[in-house]
Amino acid sequence: MARSKKPLTGLARRIQKIVDDNRILKKDFAQSIGVQPNYIYQIMAGNRTVISEPLAKLIETLYDCPPGWVLHGKGKAAKRVDADARKE
């Protein structure tokens, strides 16, 4: 019997939105914020449900996502930023 994927919630859903909106791989997202890909995979699996405020602020700088939204889902979500535009 195939295991069904459980829906993403909380932090995992917000990280997935950033990854999807920026059309990047999770491993590339991890590298861009200076963490190991396994850290992101743990978030996505629901094994980590919080990140530090400094990490949320770095995500804001790189991906234009308010730290309150990244940390707690408060406020508006990220504006889409093309990966190519960030490299310029």
PDB file of N, CA and C in Angstrom:
ATOM      1  N   MET A   1       0.847  -1.181   0.000  1.00  0.00           N
ATOM      2  CA  MET A   1       0.000   0.000   0.000  1.00  0.00           C
ATOM      3  C   MET A   1       0.891   1.243   0.000  1.00  0.00           C
ATOM      4  N   ALA A   2       0.643   2.158  -0.910  1.00  0.00           N
ATOM      5  CA  ALA A   2       1.453   3.368  -1.030  1.00  0.00           C
ATOM      6  C   ALA A   2       1.114   4.341   0.091  1.00  0.00           C
ATOM      7  N   ARG A   3       2.169   4.933   0.631  1.00  0.00           N
ATOM      8  CA  ARG A   3       1.972   5.937   1.662  1.00  0.00           C
ATOM      9  C   ARG A   3       1.586   7.254   1.013  1.00  0.00           C
ATOM     10  N   SER A   4       0.566   7.891   1.550  1.00  0.00           N
ATOM     11  CA  SER A   4       0.182   9.178   0.985  1.00  0.00           C
ATOM     12  C   SER A   4       0.993  10.279   1.663  1.00  0.00           C
ATOM     13  N   LYS A   5       1.308  11.290   0.880  1.00  0.00           N
ATOM     14  CA  LYS A   5       2.044  12.427   1.415  1.00  0.00           C
ATOM     15  C   LYS A   5       1.122  13.215   2.315  1.00  0.00           C
ATOM     16  N   LYS A   6       1.647  13.625   3.475  1.00  0.00           N
ATOM     17  CA  LYS A   6       0.810  14.473   4.301  1.00  0.00           C
ATOM     18  C   LYS A   6       0.990  15.917   3.845  1.00  0.00           C
ATOM     19  N   PRO A   7      -0.075  16.701   3.911  1.00  0.00           N
ATOM     20  CA  PRO A   7       0.009  18.072   3.426  1.00  0.00           C
ATOM     21  C   PRO A   7       0.993  18.895   4.257  1.00  0.00           C
ATOM     22  N   LEU A   8       1.650  19.837   3.594  1.00  0.00           N
ATOM     23  CA  LEU A   8       2.585  20.712   4.284  1.00  0.00           C
ATOM     24  C   LEU A   8       1.825  21.714   5.133  1.00  0.00           C
ATOM     25  N   THR A   9       2.372  22.003   6.297  1.00  0.00           N
ATOM     26  CA  THR A   9       1.759  22.994   7.171  1.00  0.00           C
ATOM     27  C   THR A   9       2.829  23.923   7.715  1.00  0.00           C
ATOM     28  N   GLY A  10       2.416  25.051   8.229  1.00  0.00           N
ATOM     29  CA  GLY A  10       3.304  25.965   8.920  1.00  0.00           C
ATOM     30  C   GLY A  10       4.544  26.363   8.141  1.00  0.00           C
ATOM     31  N   LEU A  11       5.677  26.242   8.803  1.00  0.00           N
ATOM     32  CA  LEU A  11       6.951  26.646   8.229  1.00  0.00           C
ATOM     33  C   LEU A  11       7.237  25.911   6.932  1.00  0.00           C
ATOM     34  N   ALA A  12       6.951  24.636   6.874  1.00  0.00           N
ATOM     35  CA  ALA A  12       7.210  23.855   5.659  1.00  0.00           C
ATOM     36  C   ALA A  12       6.445  24.430   4.473  1.00  0.00           C
ATOM     37  N   ARG A  13       5.205  24.809   4.679  1.00  0.00           N
ATOM     38  CA  ARG A  13       4.400  25.382   3.598  1.00  0.00           C
ATOM     39  C   ARG A  13       4.999  26.708   3.128  1.00  0.00           C
ATOM     40  N   ARG A  14       5.461  27.523   4.083  1.00  0.00           N
ATOM     41  CA  ARG A  14       6.038  28.820   3.715  1.00  0.00           C
ATOM     42  C   ARG A  14       7.356  28.644   2.964  1.00  0.00           C
ATOM     43  N   ILE A  15       8.194  27.714   3.398  1.00  0.00           N
ATOM     44  CA  ILE A  15       9.454  27.438   2.691  1.00  0.00           C
ATOM     45  C   ILE A  15       9.149  26.917   1.290  1.00  0.00           C
ATOM     46  N   GLN A  16       8.176  26.036   1.167  1.00  0.00           N
ATOM     47  CA  GLN A  16       7.814  25.505  -0.150  1.00  0.00           C
ATOM     48  C   GLN A  16       7.338  26.626  -1.067  1.00  0.00           C
ATOM     49  N   LYS A  17       6.596  27.580  -0.527  1.00  0.00           N
ATOM     50  CA  LYS A  17       6.128  28.713  -1.338  1.00  0.00           C
ATOM     51  C   LYS A  17       7.311  29.518  -1.857  1.00  0.00           C
ATOM     52  N   ILE A  18       8.294  29.779  -1.011  1.00  0.00           N
ATOM     53  CA  ILE A  18       9.479  30.525  -1.443  1.00  0.00           C
ATOM     54  C   ILE A  18      10.193  29.770  -2.559  1.00  0.00           C
ATOM     55  N   VAL A  19      10.388  28.483  -2.359  1.00  0.00           N
ATOM     56  CA  VAL A  19      11.074  27.649  -3.348  1.00  0.00           C
ATOM     57  C   VAL A  19      10.289  27.645  -4.667  1.00  0.00           C
ATOM     58  N   ASP A  20       8.989  27.437  -4.593  1.00  0.00           N
ATOM     59  CA  ASP A  20       8.157  27.398  -5.798  1.00  0.00           C
ATOM     60  C   ASP A  20       8.125  28.753  -6.506  1.00  0.00           C
ATOM     61  N   ASP A  21       7.899  29.813  -5.738  1.00  0.00           N
ATOM     62  CA  ASP A  21       7.791  31.153  -6.338  1.00  0.00           C
ATOM     63  C   ASP A  21       9.081  31.576  -7.034  1.00  0.00           C
ATOM     64  N   ASN A  22      10.207  31.118  -6.514  1.00  0.00           N
ATOM     65  CA  ASN A  22      11.499  31.500  -7.081  1.00  0.00           C
ATOM     66  C   ASN A  22      12.044  30.461  -8.051  1.00  0.00           C
ATOM     67  N   ARG A  23      11.263  29.410  -8.251  1.00  0.00           N
ATOM     68  CA  ARG A  23      11.624  28.343  -9.194  1.00  0.00           C
ATOM     69  C   ARG A  23      13.052  27.840  -8.964  1.00  0.00           C
ATOM     70  N   ILE A  24      13.322  27.482  -7.716  1.00  0.00           N
ATOM     71  CA  ILE A  24      14.630  26.938  -7.356  1.00  0.00           C
ATOM     72  C   ILE A  24      14.445  25.590  -6.670  1.00  0.00           C
ATOM     73  N   LEU A  25      15.511  24.834  -6.629  1.00  0.00           N
ATOM     74  CA  LEU A  25      15.490  23.563  -5.920  1.00  0.00           C
ATOM     75  C   LEU A  25      15.707  23.805  -4.432  1.00  0.00           C
ATOM     76  N   LYS A  26      15.201  22.903  -3.622  1.00  0.00           N
ATOM     77  CA  LYS A  26      15.387  23.033  -2.174  1.00  0.00           C
ATOM     78  C   LYS A  26      16.869  23.060  -1.803  1.00  0.00           C
ATOM     79  N   LYS A  27      17.674  22.264  -2.499  1.00  0.00           N
ATOM     80  CA  LYS A  27      19.104  22.243  -2.184  1.00  0.00           C
ATOM     81  C   LYS A  27      19.754  23.577  -2.524  1.00  0.00           C
ATOM     82  N   ASP A  28      19.290  24.243  -3.581  1.00  0.00           N
ATOM     83  CA  ASP A  28      19.816  25.564  -3.936  1.00  0.00           C
ATOM     84  C   ASP A  28      19.353  26.620  -2.937  1.00  0.00           C
ATOM     85  N   PHE A  29      18.116  26.494  -2.476  1.00  0.00           N
ATOM     86  CA  PHE A  29      17.618  27.390  -1.433  1.00  0.00           C
ATOM     87  C   PHE A  29      18.464  27.234  -0.182  1.00  0.00           C
ATOM     88  N   ALA A  30      18.712  25.993   0.210  1.00  0.00           N
ATOM     89  CA  ALA A  30      19.530  25.724   1.398  1.00  0.00           C
ATOM     90  C   ALA A  30      20.904  26.369   1.258  1.00  0.00           C
ATOM     91  N   GLN A  31      21.530  26.165   0.123  1.00  0.00           N
ATOM     92  CA  GLN A  31      22.862  26.729  -0.100  1.00  0.00           C
ATOM     93  C   GLN A  31      22.821  28.251  -0.027  1.00  0.00           C
ATOM     94  N   SER A  32      21.794  28.853  -0.581  1.00  0.00           N
ATOM     95  CA  SER A  32      21.712  30.318  -0.607  1.00  0.00           C
ATOM     96  C   SER A  32      21.599  30.924   0.787  1.00  0.00           C
ATOM     97  N   ILE A  33      21.021  30.178   1.734  1.00  0.00           N
ATOM     98  CA  ILE A  33      20.879  30.703   3.100  1.00  0.00           C
ATOM     99  C   ILE A  33      21.914  30.105   4.059  1.00  0.00           C
ATOM    100  N   GLY A  34      22.832  29.311   3.507  1.00  0.00           N
ATOM    101  CA  GLY A  34      23.949  28.819   4.308  1.00  0.00           C
ATOM    102  C   GLY A  34      23.645  27.662   5.231  1.00  0.00           C
ATOM    103  N   VAL A  35      22.687  26.825   4.852  1.00  0.00           N
ATOM    104  CA  VAL A  35      22.387  25.634   5.654  1.00  0.00           C
ATOM    105  C   VAL A  35      22.544  24.397   4.771  1.00  0.00           C
ATOM    106  N   GLN A  36      22.660  23.254   5.395  1.00  0.00           N
ATOM    107  CA  GLN A  36      22.750  21.997   4.662  1.00  0.00           C
ATOM    108  C   GLN A  36      21.371  21.649   4.079  1.00  0.00           C
ATOM    109  N   PRO A  37      21.336  21.021   2.920  1.00  0.00           N
ATOM    110  CA  PRO A  37      20.042  20.616   2.354  1.00  0.00           C
ATOM    111  C   PRO A  37      19.207  19.780   3.340  1.00  0.00           C
ATOM    112  N   ASN A  38      19.860  18.965   4.149  1.00  0.00           N
ATOM    113  CA  ASN A  38      19.140  18.140   5.113  1.00  0.00           C
ATOM    114  C   ASN A  38      18.308  18.983   6.084  1.00  0.00           C
ATOM    115  N   TYR A  39      18.786  20.164   6.410  1.00  0.00           N
ATOM    116  CA  TYR A  39      18.046  21.070   7.298  1.00  0.00           C
ATOM    117  C   TYR A  39      16.697  21.423   6.667  1.00  0.00           C
ATOM    118  N   ILE A  40      16.720  21.736   5.377  1.00  0.00           N
ATOM    119  CA  ILE A  40      15.480  22.071   4.674  1.00  0.00           C
ATOM    120  C   ILE A  40      14.590  20.842   4.561  1.00  0.00           C
ATOM    121  N   TYR A  41      15.182  19.693   4.282  1.00  0.00           N
ATOM    122  CA  TYR A  41      14.388  18.464   4.180  1.00  0.00           C
ATOM    123  C   TYR A  41      13.733  18.124   5.515  1.00  0.00           C
ATOM    124  N   GLN A  42      14.412  18.404   6.628  1.00  0.00           N
ATOM    125  CA  GLN A  42      13.821  18.174   7.950  1.00  0.00           C
ATOM    126  C   GLN A  42      12.626  19.096   8.179  1.00  0.00           C
ATOM    127  N   ILE A  43      12.748  20.339   7.724  1.00  0.00           N
ATOM    128  CA  ILE A  43      11.613  21.262   7.823  1.00  0.00           C
ATOM    129  C   ILE A  43      10.440  20.722   7.004  1.00  0.00           C
ATOM    130  N   MET A  44      10.733  20.300   5.778  1.00  0.00           N
ATOM    131  CA  MET A  44       9.671  19.834   4.892  1.00  0.00           C
ATOM    132  C   MET A  44       8.989  18.573   5.423  1.00  0.00           C
ATOM    133  N   ALA A  45       9.740  17.765   6.160  1.00  0.00           N
ATOM    134  CA  ALA A  45       9.177  16.538   6.732  1.00  0.00           C
ATOM    135  C   ALA A  45       8.430  16.810   8.040  1.00  0.00           C
ATOM    136  N   GLY A  46       8.488  18.052   8.526  1.00  0.00           N
ATOM    137  CA  GLY A  46       7.819  18.390   9.772  1.00  0.00           C
ATOM    138  C   GLY A  46       8.641  18.092  11.011  1.00  0.00           C
ATOM    139  N   ASN A  47       9.920  17.726  10.835  1.00  0.00           N
ATOM    140  CA  ASN A  47      10.778  17.425  11.977  1.00  0.00           C
ATOM    141  C   ASN A  47      11.370  18.678  12.613  1.00  0.00           C
ATOM    142  N   ARG A  48      11.370  19.763  11.894  1.00  0.00           N
ATOM    143  CA  ARG A  48      11.770  21.079  12.415  1.00  0.00           C
ATOM    144  C   ARG A  48      10.612  22.018  12.117  1.00  0.00           C
ATOM    145  N   THR A  49      10.179  22.732  13.134  1.00  0.00           N
ATOM    146  CA  THR A  49       9.015  23.590  12.937  1.00  0.00           C
ATOM    147  C   THR A  49       9.320  25.068  13.177  1.00  0.00           C
ATOM    148  N   VAL A  50      10.549  25.376  13.543  1.00  0.00           N
ATOM    149  CA  VAL A  50      10.951  26.766  13.748  1.00  0.00           C
ATOM    150  C   VAL A  50      12.358  26.979  13.191  1.00  0.00           C
ATOM    151  N   ILE A  51      12.635  28.228  12.836  1.00  0.00           N
ATOM    152  CA  ILE A  51      13.988  28.620  12.456  1.00  0.00           C
ATOM    153  C   ILE A  51      14.340  29.861  13.261  1.00  0.00           C
ATOM    154  N   SER A  52      15.601  30.220  13.256  1.00  0.00           N
ATOM    155  CA  SER A  52      16.038  31.379  14.033  1.00  0.00           C
ATOM    156  C   SER A  52      15.613  32.680  13.360  1.00  0.00           C
ATOM    157  N   GLU A  53      15.523  33.723  14.161  1.00  0.00           N
ATOM    158  CA  GLU A  53      15.187  35.038  13.618  1.00  0.00           C
ATOM    159  C   GLU A  53      16.269  35.537  12.657  1.00  0.00           C
ATOM    160  N   PRO A  54      17.572  35.358  12.969  1.00  0.00           N
ATOM    161  CA  PRO A  54      18.582  35.782  11.990  1.00  0.00           C
ATOM    162  C   PRO A  54      18.447  35.069  10.641  1.00  0.00           C
ATOM    163  N   LEU A  55      18.079  33.799  10.655  1.00  0.00           N
ATOM    164  CA  LEU A  55      17.890  33.069   9.405  1.00  0.00           C
ATOM    165  C   LEU A  55      16.674  33.623   8.658  1.00  0.00           C
ATOM    166  N   ALA A  56      15.617  33.940   9.376  1.00  0.00           N
ATOM    167  CA  ALA A  56      14.435  34.539   8.749  1.00  0.00           C
ATOM    168  C   ALA A  56      14.775  35.892   8.137  1.00  0.00           C
ATOM    169  N   LYS A  57      15.633  36.656   8.799  1.00  0.00           N
ATOM    170  CA  LYS A  57      16.033  37.961   8.255  1.00  0.00           C
ATOM    171  C   LYS A  57      16.896  37.793   7.008  1.00  0.00           C
ATOM    172  N   LEU A  58      17.718  36.758   6.968  1.00  0.00           N
ATOM    173  CA  LEU A  58      18.503  36.475   5.774  1.00  0.00           C
ATOM    174  C   LEU A  58      17.576  36.105   4.614  1.00  0.00           C
ATOM    175  N   ILE A  59      16.558  35.310   4.896  1.00  0.00           N
ATOM    176  CA  ILE A  59      15.579  34.950   3.869  1.00  0.00           C
ATOM    177  C   ILE A  59      14.875  36.204   3.365  1.00  0.00           C
ATOM    178  N   GLU A  60      14.598  37.137   4.267  1.00  0.00           N
ATOM    179  CA  GLU A  60      13.997  38.412   3.848  1.00  0.00           C
ATOM    180  C   GLU A  60      14.919  39.141   2.876  1.00  0.00           C
ATOM    181  N   THR A  61      16.189  39.204   3.214  1.00  0.00           N
ATOM    182  CA  THR A  61      17.153  39.902   2.362  1.00  0.00           C
ATOM    183  C   THR A  61      17.256  39.264   0.986  1.00  0.00           C
ATOM    184  N   LEU A  62      17.310  37.945   0.947  1.00  0.00           N
ATOM    185  CA  LEU A  62      17.513  37.241  -0.320  1.00  0.00           C
ATOM    186  C   LEU A  62      16.237  37.049  -1.129  1.00  0.00           C
ATOM    187  N   TYR A  63      15.112  36.879  -0.448  1.00  0.00           N
ATOM    188  CA  TYR A  63      13.881  36.492  -1.144  1.00  0.00           C
ATOM    189  C   TYR A  63      12.707  37.443  -0.913  1.00  0.00           C
ATOM    190  N   ASP A  64      12.959  38.584  -0.262  1.00  0.00           N
ATOM    191  CA  ASP A  64      11.930  39.603  -0.057  1.00  0.00           C
ATOM    192  C   ASP A  64      10.699  39.057   0.670  1.00  0.00           C
ATOM    193  N   CYS A  65      10.956  38.252   1.696  1.00  0.00           N
ATOM    194  CA  CYS A  65       9.885  37.678   2.510  1.00  0.00           C
ATOM    195  C   CYS A  65       9.979  38.252   3.917  1.00  0.00           C
ATOM    196  N   PRO A  66       8.951  38.928   4.392  1.00  0.00           N
ATOM    197  CA  PRO A  66       9.011  39.488   5.736  1.00  0.00           C
ATOM    198  C   PRO A  66       9.290  38.408   6.785  1.00  0.00           C
ATOM    199  N   PRO A  67      10.190  38.689   7.740  1.00  0.00           N
ATOM    200  CA  PRO A  67      10.526  37.686   8.757  1.00  0.00           C
ATOM    201  C   PRO A  67       9.310  37.203   9.553  1.00  0.00           C
ATOM    202  N   GLY A  68       8.356  38.088   9.810  1.00  0.00           N
ATOM    203  CA  GLY A  68       7.147  37.683  10.527  1.00  0.00           C
ATOM    204  C   GLY A  68       6.358  36.636   9.773  1.00  0.00           C
ATOM    205  N   TRP A  69       6.352  36.767   8.454  1.00  0.00           N
ATOM    206  CA  TRP A  69       5.670  35.769   7.629  1.00  0.00           C
ATOM    207  C   TRP A  69       6.446  34.456   7.632  1.00  0.00           C
ATOM    208  N   VAL A  70       7.766  34.541   7.465  1.00  0.00           N
ATOM    209  CA  VAL A  70       8.585  33.318   7.448  1.00  0.00           C
ATOM    210  C   VAL A  70       8.464  32.584   8.778  1.00  0.00           C
ATOM    211  N   LEU A  71       8.583  33.315   9.875  1.00  0.00           N
ATOM    212  CA  LEU A  71       8.582  32.688  11.196  1.00  0.00           C
ATOM    213  C   LEU A  71       7.201  32.210  11.647  1.00  0.00           C
ATOM    214  N   HIS A  72       6.173  33.041  11.409  1.00  0.00           N
ATOM    215  CA  HIS A  72       4.870  32.765  12.024  1.00  0.00           C
ATOM    216  C   HIS A  72       3.689  32.792  11.060  1.00  0.00           C
ATOM    217  N   GLY A  73       3.943  33.099   9.796  1.00  0.00           N
ATOM    218  CA  GLY A  73       2.843  33.185   8.838  1.00  0.00           C
ATOM    219  C   GLY A  73       2.038  34.455   8.975  1.00  0.00           C
ATOM    220  N   LYS A  74       2.591  35.457   9.674  1.00  0.00           N
ATOM    221  CA  LYS A  74       1.873  36.716   9.883  1.00  0.00           C
ATOM    222  C   LYS A  74       2.230  37.710   8.793  1.00  0.00           C
ATOM    223  N   GLY A  75       1.228  38.428   8.339  1.00  0.00           N
ATOM    224  CA  GLY A  75       1.456  39.420   7.298  1.00  0.00           C
ATOM    225  C   GLY A  75       1.321  38.798   5.924  1.00  0.00           C
ATOM    226  N   LYS A  76       1.783  39.549   4.935  1.00  0.00           N
ATOM    227  CA  LYS A  76       1.688  39.088   3.549  1.00  0.00           C
ATOM    228  C   LYS A  76       2.840  38.168   3.219  1.00  0.00           C
ATOM    229  N   ALA A  77       2.570  37.257   2.309  1.00  0.00           N
ATOM    230  CA  ALA A  77       3.591  36.324   1.844  1.00  0.00           C
ATOM    231  C   ALA A  77       4.609  37.050   0.977  1.00  0.00           C
ATOM    232  N   ALA A  78       5.577  36.303   0.565  1.00  0.00           N
ATOM    233  CA  ALA A  78       6.660  36.829  -0.249  1.00  0.00           C
ATOM    234  C   ALA A  78       6.173  37.317  -1.592  1.00  0.00           C
ATOM    235  N   LYS A  79       6.850  38.343  -2.066  1.00  0.00           N
ATOM    236  CA  LYS A  79       6.662  38.735  -3.461  1.00  0.00           C
ATOM    237  C   LYS A  79       7.555  37.829  -4.270  1.00  0.00           C
ATOM    238  N   ARG A  80       7.113  37.471  -5.446  1.00  0.00           N
ATOM    239  CA  ARG A  80       7.928  36.594  -6.279  1.00  0.00           C
ATOM    240  C   ARG A  80       9.134  37.355  -6.793  1.00  0.00           C
ATOM    241  N   VAL A  81      10.301  36.744  -6.638  1.00  0.00           N
ATOM    242  CA  VAL A  81      11.549  37.328  -7.114  1.00  0.00           C
ATOM    243  C   VAL A  81      12.215  36.294  -7.995  1.00  0.00           C
ATOM    244  N   ASP A  82      12.456  36.647  -9.247  1.00  0.00           N
ATOM    245  CA  ASP A  82      13.118  35.719 -10.155  1.00  0.00           C
ATOM    246  C   ASP A  82      14.547  35.475  -9.719  1.00  0.00           C
ATOM    247  N   ALA A  83      14.980  34.241  -9.785  1.00  0.00           N
ATOM    248  CA  ALA A  83      16.338  33.884  -9.420  1.00  0.00           C
ATOM    249  C   ALA A  83      17.340  34.670 -10.257  1.00  0.00           C
ATOM    250  N   ASP A  84      17.045  34.909 -11.530  1.00  0.00           N
ATOM    251  CA  ASP A  84      17.954  35.657 -12.394  1.00  0.00           C
ATOM    252  C   ASP A  84      18.098  37.098 -11.920  1.00  0.00           C
ATOM    253  N   ALA A  85      17.022  37.673 -11.429  1.00  0.00           N
ATOM    254  CA  ALA A  85      17.065  39.063 -10.971  1.00  0.00           C
ATOM    255  C   ALA A  85      17.933  39.196  -9.724  1.00  0.00           C
ATOM    256  N   ARG A  86      17.923  38.170  -8.866  1.00  0.00           N
ATOM    257  CA  ARG A  86      18.747  38.210  -7.643  1.00  0.00           C
ATOM    258  C   ARG A  86      20.222  38.158  -7.974  1.00  0.00           C
ATOM    259  N   LYS A  87      20.601  37.533  -9.093  1.00  0.00           N
ATOM    260  CA  LYS A  87      21.995  37.356  -9.447  1.00  0.00           C
ATOM    261  C   LYS A  87      22.621  38.615 -10.033  1.00  0.00           C
ATOM    262  N   GLU A  88      21.796  39.577 -10.446  1.00  0.00           N
ATOM    263  CA  GLU A  88      22.317  40.779 -11.090  1.00  0.00           C
ATOM    264  C   GLU A  88      22.998  41.688 -10.107  1.00  0.00           C
TER     265      GLU A  88
END
